[in-house]
């Protein structure tokens, strides 16, 4: 057991045996009264600790149903702090962007080698949807498609820290308003590089795909240096 994390009685209780089940059959904790008596704490203190644990995704308190132990999800834990950081200072997003770019490049090879044919079918759908939005009247920004595209590339990695941080990055991207800005030519260039990237990795040319990703990152990096996200 990790003693620092398990300093609260309820966390010790969870770590010592009340491990999460799975989505279909999650582990349900005893009632507040039962737990408080078993752990030797007041009902009010236990509730405070459970609320804090819920913020970090350790438990899910369902009114009228009970409290369930959640599977580990780094995204749930890190998202509030990431959003707090960019709300405190939008300049923090630029630093987060550097972390995101380095992370995607570092895990690129492992990620793309694990993609399956069903993933490529989804890439085709995303690319078609984005093209439809950009060619529509009026033009629509394909932000959800942009997010889905990049997350899908890394979706086969069995690394919850990579996936959690990438998902939190896209929430921060929206929080600073980058899903609303830039001229049409920017999005056309962006989605052209997306298409080239997928064509390369589809045929096993992972290094070319990675080079396209590097060039792709410079599109937003240039805008961040110009302070676009401060609008």
Protein backbone atom coordinates (compact mmCIF):
# COMPACT_ATOMS: atom_id res chain seq x y z
CA UNK A 1 0.00 0.00 0.00
CA UNK A 2 1.18 3.54 -0.75
CA UNK A 3 1.06 5.03 2.76
CA UNK A 4 1.14 8.72 1.80
CA UNK A 5 -1.89 8.39 -0.45
CA UNK A 6 -3.71 6.12 1.98
CA UNK A 7 -3.45 8.44 4.97
CA UNK A 8 -7.24 8.92 5.09
CA UNK A 9 -9.19 5.99 6.55
CA UNK A 10 -11.48 5.67 3.53
CA UNK A 11 -8.53 5.56 1.13
CA UNK A 12 -6.82 2.96 3.30
CA UNK A 13 -10.03 0.95 3.24
CA UNK A 14 -10.17 1.08 -0.57
CA UNK A 15 -6.49 0.31 -1.08
CA UNK A 16 -6.56 -2.58 1.39
CA UNK A 17 -9.34 -4.44 -0.31
CA UNK A 18 -12.26 -2.55 -1.80
CA UNK A 19 -10.68 -2.46 -5.23
CA UNK A 20 -12.73 -1.37 -8.24
CA UNK A 21 -14.62 -3.99 -10.15
CA UNK A 22 -15.44 -3.27 -13.77
CA UNK A 23 -17.93 -1.11 -15.63
CA UNK A 24 -20.70 -3.73 -15.56
CA UNK A 25 -20.19 -4.71 -11.92
CA UNK A 26 -18.49 -1.85 -10.02
CA UNK A 27 -17.54 -2.33 -6.38
CA UNK A 28 -20.11 -0.74 -4.08
CA UNK A 29 -19.04 0.54 -0.68
CA UNK A 30 -21.10 -0.01 2.46
CA UNK A 31 -23.43 2.77 3.58
CA UNK A 32 -21.99 5.90 5.18
CA UNK A 33 -23.18 4.82 8.62
CA UNK A 34 -21.64 1.37 8.27
CA UNK A 35 -18.36 2.75 6.95
CA UNK A 36 -18.13 5.46 9.59
CA UNK A 37 -18.59 2.89 12.35
CA UNK A 38 -16.15 0.45 10.76
CA UNK A 39 -13.47 3.09 10.22
CA UNK A 40 -14.01 4.86 13.53
CA UNK A 41 -14.70 8.30 12.05
CA UNK A 42 -17.70 10.60 12.14
CA UNK A 43 -20.26 10.44 9.35
CA UNK A 44 -19.55 14.10 8.47
CA UNK A 45 -15.79 13.54 8.23
CA UNK A 46 -16.29 10.44 6.12
CA UNK A 47 -18.55 12.33 3.73
CA UNK A 48 -15.95 15.10 3.36
CA UNK A 49 -13.28 12.53 2.56
CA UNK A 50 -15.51 10.81 0.02
CA UNK A 51 -16.26 14.12 -1.72
CA UNK A 52 -12.51 14.79 -1.96
CA UNK A 53 -11.95 11.26 -3.28
CA UNK A 54 -14.65 11.79 -5.90
CA UNK A 55 -12.87 14.89 -7.25
CA UNK A 56 -9.88 12.68 -8.07
CA UNK A 57 -11.98 9.93 -9.56
CA UNK A 58 -11.43 7.41 -6.78
CA UNK A 59 -15.13 7.00 -6.03
CA UNK A 60 -18.45 7.84 -7.64
CA UNK A 61 -21.14 9.03 -5.20
CA UNK A 62 -24.56 8.36 -6.69
CA UNK A 63 -27.44 9.98 -4.77
CA UNK A 64 -30.06 7.44 -3.86
CA UNK A 65 -27.89 4.54 -4.99
CA UNK A 66 -24.64 4.54 -3.04
CA UNK A 67 -20.91 5.04 -3.47
CA UNK A 68 -18.84 3.00 -5.91
CA UNK A 69 -15.10 2.53 -6.26
CA UNK A 70 -13.91 3.72 -9.68
CA UNK A 71 -11.23 2.18 -11.89
CA UNK A 72 -8.10 4.30 -12.12
CA UNK A 73 -8.55 7.18 -14.57
CA UNK A 74 -5.72 9.71 -14.75
CA UNK A 75 -7.84 12.06 -16.85
CA UNK A 76 -10.40 12.53 -14.10
CA UNK A 77 -7.68 13.39 -11.60
CA UNK A 78 -5.65 15.75 -13.76
CA UNK A 79 -8.41 17.58 -15.65
CA UNK A 80 -9.43 20.00 -12.86
CA UNK A 81 -5.84 21.12 -12.27
CA UNK A 82 -5.15 21.55 -15.98
CA UNK A 83 -8.27 23.70 -16.40
CA UNK A 84 -7.41 25.65 -13.25
CA UNK A 85 -3.94 26.38 -14.59
CA UNK A 86 -5.17 27.90 -17.87
CA UNK A 87 -7.94 29.80 -16.10
CA UNK A 88 -5.33 31.27 -13.79
CA UNK A 89 -3.04 32.25 -16.66
CA UNK A 90 -3.63 31.50 -20.35
CA UNK A 91 0.13 31.53 -20.86
CA UNK A 92 0.17 28.16 -19.13
CA UNK A 93 -1.47 26.67 -22.20
CA UNK A 94 1.68 27.30 -24.23
CA UNK A 95 3.67 25.21 -21.77
CA UNK A 96 1.02 22.50 -21.80
CA UNK A 97 1.15 22.49 -25.58
CA UNK A 98 4.90 21.77 -25.48
CA UNK A 99 4.28 18.82 -23.17
CA UNK A 100 1.55 17.50 -25.44
CA UNK A 101 3.72 17.78 -28.56
CA UNK A 102 6.67 16.03 -26.89
CA UNK A 103 4.38 13.30 -25.58
CA UNK A 104 2.80 12.56 -28.95
CA UNK A 105 6.17 12.44 -30.67
CA UNK A 106 7.69 10.22 -27.99
CA UNK A 107 4.87 7.66 -28.19
CA UNK A 108 4.21 7.96 -31.92
CA UNK A 109 5.90 4.73 -33.03
CA UNK A 110 4.31 2.57 -30.35
CA UNK A 111 0.89 4.10 -30.96
CA UNK A 112 0.67 3.84 -34.76
CA UNK A 113 2.02 0.30 -34.88
CA UNK A 114 -0.95 -0.84 -32.80
CA UNK A 115 -3.67 0.76 -34.92
CA UNK A 116 -6.16 -1.64 -36.45
CA UNK A 117 -8.23 -1.61 -39.62
CA UNK A 118 -11.29 -0.45 -37.71
CA UNK A 119 -9.28 2.57 -36.56
CA UNK A 120 -8.45 3.49 -40.14
CA UNK A 121 -12.13 3.27 -41.01
CA UNK A 122 -12.77 5.74 -38.20
CA UNK A 123 -10.01 8.02 -39.49
CA UNK A 124 -11.73 7.99 -42.89
CA UNK A 125 -15.00 8.98 -41.24
CA UNK A 126 -13.35 11.80 -39.28
CA UNK A 127 -11.56 13.15 -42.36
CA UNK A 128 -14.77 13.08 -44.40
CA UNK A 129 -16.72 14.82 -41.64
CA UNK A 130 -14.08 17.53 -41.32
CA UNK A 131 -14.03 18.11 -45.06
CA UNK A 132 -17.81 18.38 -45.11
CA UNK A 133 -17.76 21.02 -42.38
CA UNK A 134 -15.06 23.07 -44.09
CA UNK A 135 -16.83 22.98 -47.43
CA UNK A 136 -20.25 23.78 -46.02
CA UNK A 137 -22.20 27.02 -46.12
CA UNK A 138 -21.54 28.43 -43.65
CA UNK A 139 -18.12 26.95 -42.92
CA UNK A 140 -17.99 25.06 -39.62
CA UNK A 141 -14.84 24.52 -37.57
CA UNK A 142 -14.27 20.74 -37.23
CA UNK A 143 -12.95 20.95 -33.69
CA UNK A 144 -14.50 17.74 -32.35
CA UNK A 145 -13.08 15.91 -35.36
CA UNK A 146 -9.67 17.45 -34.64
CA UNK A 147 -9.76 16.22 -31.07
CA UNK A 148 -11.05 12.78 -32.06
CA UNK A 149 -8.37 12.43 -34.73
CA UNK A 150 -5.41 12.95 -32.41
CA UNK A 151 -6.83 10.97 -29.50
CA UNK A 152 -7.60 8.04 -31.82
CA UNK A 153 -3.96 7.80 -32.89
CA UNK A 154 -2.97 6.99 -29.30
CA UNK A 155 -6.08 5.07 -28.31
CA UNK A 156 -4.44 1.63 -28.49
CA UNK A 157 -1.69 2.50 -26.04
CA UNK A 158 -2.07 0.76 -22.71
CA UNK A 159 -0.81 3.83 -20.91
CA UNK A 160 -3.45 5.72 -18.92
CA UNK A 161 -1.07 8.60 -18.21
CA UNK A 162 -0.52 9.40 -21.88
CA UNK A 163 -4.20 9.16 -22.75
CA UNK A 164 -5.29 11.07 -19.66
CA UNK A 165 -2.97 13.99 -20.33
CA UNK A 166 -3.91 14.15 -24.00
CA UNK A 167 -7.61 14.27 -23.18
CA UNK A 168 -7.01 16.99 -20.58
CA UNK A 169 -4.99 18.94 -23.15
CA UNK A 170 -7.97 19.09 -25.50
CA UNK A 171 -10.19 20.34 -22.70
CA UNK A 172 -7.67 23.13 -22.08
CA UNK A 173 -7.54 23.84 -25.83
CA UNK A 174 -11.26 24.50 -25.71
CA UNK A 175 -11.04 26.45 -22.45
CA UNK A 176 -8.67 29.03 -23.98
CA UNK A 177 -10.86 29.33 -27.07
CA UNK A 178 -8.58 27.82 -29.70
CA UNK A 179 -11.47 25.80 -31.12
CA UNK A 180 -13.03 29.07 -32.32
CA UNK A 181 -10.18 30.98 -33.98
CA UNK A 182 -8.15 31.15 -37.22
CA UNK A 183 -8.92 31.64 -40.87
CA UNK A 184 -10.13 29.00 -43.31
CA UNK A 185 -6.69 28.49 -44.87
CA UNK A 186 -5.33 27.41 -41.47
CA UNK A 187 -7.90 24.63 -41.18
CA UNK A 188 -7.43 23.56 -44.77
CA UNK A 189 -3.70 23.22 -44.20
CA UNK A 190 -4.28 21.40 -40.92
CA UNK A 191 -6.59 18.80 -42.41
CA UNK A 192 -4.39 18.31 -45.44
CA UNK A 193 -1.58 17.32 -43.08
CA UNK A 194 -3.94 15.02 -41.19
CA UNK A 195 -4.79 13.24 -44.43
CA UNK A 196 -1.15 12.88 -45.43
CA UNK A 197 -0.29 11.59 -41.96
CA UNK A 198 -2.86 8.81 -42.12
CA UNK A 199 -1.92 7.85 -45.67
CA UNK A 200 1.68 7.38 -44.54
CA UNK A 201 1.01 5.25 -41.47
CA UNK A 202 -1.65 3.23 -43.27
CA UNK A 203 1.07 1.93 -45.56
CA UNK A 204 3.56 1.42 -42.74
CA UNK A 205 5.64 4.53 -43.44
CA UNK A 206 5.67 5.57 -39.80
CA UNK A 207 8.69 7.86 -40.06
CA UNK A 208 7.10 9.95 -42.81
CA UNK A 209 3.94 10.16 -40.73
CA UNK A 210 5.99 11.36 -37.78
CA UNK A 211 7.66 14.04 -39.90
CA UNK A 212 4.24 15.27 -41.00
CA UNK A 213 3.21 15.39 -37.34
CA UNK A 214 6.25 17.55 -36.53
CA UNK A 215 5.31 19.95 -39.32
CA UNK A 216 1.71 19.84 -38.15
CA UNK A 217 2.71 21.02 -34.69
CA UNK A 218 4.36 24.12 -36.11
CA UNK A 219 0.98 25.36 -37.36
CA UNK A 220 -0.38 25.94 -33.87
CA UNK A 221 3.00 26.74 -32.36
CA UNK A 222 3.32 29.75 -34.67
CA UNK A 223 -0.13 30.95 -33.62
CA UNK A 224 0.66 30.58 -29.93
CA UNK A 225 3.79 32.67 -30.34
CA UNK A 226 1.62 35.34 -31.90
CA UNK A 227 -0.68 35.24 -28.88
CA UNK A 228 -3.81 34.04 -30.71
CA UNK A 229 -5.13 32.19 -27.67
CA UNK A 230 -5.26 35.45 -25.73
CA UNK A 231 -8.04 36.87 -27.91
